[in-house]
Amino acid sequence: MQTVVKCPTCSKDVVWGEISPYRPFCCKRCQLIDLGEWADEEKRIPSSGELSESDDWSEQDDR
């Protein structure tokens, strides 16, 4: 039995296997749409809002 998932971008059925190289996306276009949403910060992973020591930087660190 094959596992079928919904494409996160367009909701088409996608077979989870070698037959679907862009899984969980149905095609390269849907994969790139999702990537663009992350790049534009339309999607993000929620955080506690506190910076850890490794996240604490200043503009001088980028020079």
N, C-alpha and C. Protein backbone atom coordinates (compact mmCIF):
# COMPACT_ATOMS: atom_id res chain seq x y z
N MET A 1 0.84 -1.19 0.00
CA MET A 1 0.00 0.00 0.00
C MET A 1 0.89 1.25 0.00
N GLN A 2 0.57 2.21 -0.84
CA GLN A 2 1.36 3.44 -0.95
C GLN A 2 0.78 4.51 -0.05
N THR A 3 1.69 5.30 0.53
CA THR A 3 1.28 6.43 1.34
C THR A 3 1.02 7.61 0.42
N VAL A 4 -0.11 8.27 0.59
CA VAL A 4 -0.47 9.43 -0.21
C VAL A 4 -0.66 10.61 0.74
N VAL A 5 -0.01 11.74 0.41
CA VAL A 5 -0.14 12.95 1.21
C VAL A 5 -0.66 14.07 0.32
N LYS A 6 -1.10 15.14 0.93
CA LYS A 6 -1.56 16.31 0.18
C LYS A 6 -0.39 17.27 0.00
N CYS A 7 -0.24 17.83 -1.18
CA CYS A 7 0.78 18.85 -1.44
C CYS A 7 0.48 20.04 -0.54
N PRO A 8 1.47 20.53 0.23
CA PRO A 8 1.21 21.64 1.14
C PRO A 8 0.85 22.95 0.43
N THR A 9 1.16 23.04 -0.85
CA THR A 9 0.89 24.28 -1.59
C THR A 9 -0.47 24.26 -2.28
N CYS A 10 -0.76 23.17 -3.01
CA CYS A 10 -2.00 23.15 -3.80
C CYS A 10 -3.00 22.07 -3.39
N SER A 11 -2.62 21.22 -2.46
CA SER A 11 -3.48 20.16 -1.90
C SER A 11 -3.75 18.99 -2.85
N LYS A 12 -3.00 18.87 -3.95
CA LYS A 12 -3.13 17.69 -4.80
C LYS A 12 -2.56 16.49 -4.07
N ASP A 13 -3.06 15.29 -4.41
CA ASP A 13 -2.54 14.06 -3.83
C ASP A 13 -1.14 13.78 -4.38
N VAL A 14 -0.22 13.39 -3.48
CA VAL A 14 1.15 13.07 -3.86
C VAL A 14 1.50 11.72 -3.26
N VAL A 15 1.99 10.80 -4.11
CA VAL A 15 2.44 9.50 -3.63
C VAL A 15 3.79 9.70 -2.96
N TRP A 16 3.92 9.21 -1.71
CA TRP A 16 5.18 9.35 -0.97
C TRP A 16 6.09 8.20 -1.38
N GLY A 17 6.95 8.47 -2.38
CA GLY A 17 7.86 7.45 -2.85
C GLY A 17 8.71 7.98 -3.99
N GLU A 18 9.51 7.09 -4.56
CA GLU A 18 10.44 7.47 -5.64
C GLU A 18 9.72 8.08 -6.84
N ILE A 19 8.47 7.75 -7.02
CA ILE A 19 7.70 8.28 -8.16
C ILE A 19 7.47 9.78 -8.05
N SER A 20 7.61 10.34 -6.86
CA SER A 20 7.38 11.77 -6.60
C SER A 20 8.66 12.42 -6.10
N PRO A 21 9.53 12.89 -7.00
CA PRO A 21 10.83 13.43 -6.58
C PRO A 21 10.74 14.72 -5.77
N TYR A 22 9.62 15.44 -5.82
CA TYR A 22 9.49 16.71 -5.10
C TYR A 22 8.68 16.57 -3.82
N ARG A 23 8.41 15.34 -3.41
CA ARG A 23 7.58 15.11 -2.22
C ARG A 23 8.08 15.91 -1.03
N PRO A 24 7.26 16.50 -0.25
CA PRO A 24 5.80 16.36 -0.20
C PRO A 24 5.06 17.23 -1.21
N PHE A 25 5.79 17.92 -2.08
CA PHE A 25 5.16 18.76 -3.09
C PHE A 25 4.85 17.94 -4.34
N CYS A 26 3.86 18.38 -5.11
CA CYS A 26 3.49 17.64 -6.31
C CYS A 26 4.41 17.95 -7.49
N CYS A 27 5.06 19.13 -7.46
CA CYS A 27 5.92 19.52 -8.57
C CYS A 27 6.93 20.57 -8.13
N LYS A 28 7.87 20.86 -8.98
CA LYS A 28 8.91 21.85 -8.68
C LYS A 28 8.29 23.23 -8.44
N ARG A 29 7.25 23.58 -9.18
CA ARG A 29 6.60 24.88 -9.02
C ARG A 29 6.07 25.07 -7.60
N CYS A 30 5.37 24.06 -7.08
CA CYS A 30 4.84 24.15 -5.71
C CYS A 30 5.97 24.22 -4.69
N GLN A 31 7.05 23.49 -4.95
CA GLN A 31 8.21 23.54 -4.06
C GLN A 31 8.80 24.95 -4.01
N LEU A 32 8.92 25.59 -5.17
CA LEU A 32 9.49 26.94 -5.24
C LEU A 32 8.56 27.99 -4.63
N ILE A 33 7.26 27.80 -4.78
CA ILE A 33 6.30 28.71 -4.14
C ILE A 33 6.49 28.67 -2.63
N ASP A 34 6.61 27.46 -2.07
CA ASP A 34 6.81 27.31 -0.64
C ASP A 34 8.13 27.94 -0.20
N LEU A 35 9.19 27.71 -0.94
CA LEU A 35 10.49 28.30 -0.62
C LEU A 35 10.41 29.82 -0.62
N GLY A 36 9.71 30.39 -1.60
CA GLY A 36 9.54 31.84 -1.68
C GLY A 36 8.80 32.39 -0.48
N GLU A 37 7.80 31.65 0.00
CA GLU A 37 7.06 32.10 1.19
C GLU A 37 7.97 32.13 2.41
N TRP A 38 8.86 31.15 2.55
CA TRP A 38 9.82 31.15 3.67
C TRP A 38 10.79 32.31 3.51
N ALA A 39 11.28 32.53 2.28
CA ALA A 39 12.25 33.59 2.04
C ALA A 39 11.65 34.97 2.31
N ASP A 40 10.38 35.15 1.99
CA ASP A 40 9.69 36.42 2.24
C ASP A 40 9.19 36.54 3.68
N GLU A 41 9.51 35.54 4.49
CA GLU A 41 9.11 35.47 5.89
C GLU A 41 7.59 35.47 6.08
N GLU A 42 6.87 34.95 5.07
CA GLU A 42 5.44 34.74 5.22
C GLU A 42 5.18 33.53 6.11
N LYS A 43 6.13 32.61 6.14
CA LYS A 43 6.08 31.45 7.02
C LYS A 43 7.25 31.55 7.97
N ARG A 44 7.04 31.07 9.19
CA ARG A 44 8.14 31.06 10.16
C ARG A 44 7.82 30.05 11.24
N ILE A 45 8.85 29.64 11.94
CA ILE A 45 8.70 28.72 13.06
C ILE A 45 8.58 29.56 14.32
N PRO A 46 7.50 29.40 15.07
CA PRO A 46 7.31 30.19 16.29
C PRO A 46 8.45 29.95 17.29
N SER A 47 8.80 30.99 18.00
CA SER A 47 9.82 30.86 19.04
C SER A 47 9.33 31.52 20.32
N SER A 48 10.10 31.34 21.37
CA SER A 48 9.71 31.91 22.66
C SER A 48 9.97 33.41 22.69
N GLY A 49 10.69 33.93 21.70
CA GLY A 49 10.98 35.36 21.65
C GLY A 49 12.24 35.75 22.37
N GLU A 50 12.85 34.80 23.07
CA GLU A 50 14.09 35.08 23.77
C GLU A 50 15.26 34.64 22.91
N LEU A 51 16.33 35.44 22.91
CA LEU A 51 17.52 35.10 22.16
C LEU A 51 18.43 34.22 22.99
N SER A 52 19.02 33.22 22.36
CA SER A 52 20.02 32.42 23.06
C SER A 52 21.37 33.11 22.89
N GLU A 53 22.38 32.63 23.57
CA GLU A 53 23.71 33.25 23.46
C GLU A 53 24.21 33.23 22.03
N SER A 54 23.92 32.16 21.30
CA SER A 54 24.39 32.07 19.91
C SER A 54 23.63 33.02 18.99
N ASP A 55 22.41 33.41 19.36
CA ASP A 55 21.62 34.34 18.56
C ASP A 55 21.93 35.79 18.87
N ASP A 56 22.58 36.04 19.98
CA ASP A 56 22.86 37.40 20.43
C ASP A 56 24.03 37.96 19.63
N TRP A 57 23.75 38.91 18.72
CA TRP A 57 24.79 39.49 17.89
C TRP A 57 24.56 40.98 17.75
N SER A 58 25.57 41.65 17.31
CA SER A 58 25.44 43.08 17.05
C SER A 58 25.80 43.32 15.60
N GLU A 59 25.54 44.53 15.13
CA GLU A 59 25.89 44.87 13.76
C GLU A 59 27.39 44.76 13.52
N GLN A 60 28.19 44.93 14.55
CA GLN A 60 29.64 44.83 14.41
C GLN A 60 30.03 43.41 14.04
N ASP A 61 29.27 42.42 14.46
CA ASP A 61 29.58 41.01 14.14
C ASP A 61 29.48 40.75 12.65
N ASP A 62 28.67 41.53 11.93
CA ASP A 62 28.48 41.32 10.50
C ASP A 62 29.51 42.01 9.64
N ARG A 63 30.41 42.77 10.24
CA ARG A 63 31.42 43.50 9.46
C ARG A 63 32.60 42.63 9.11
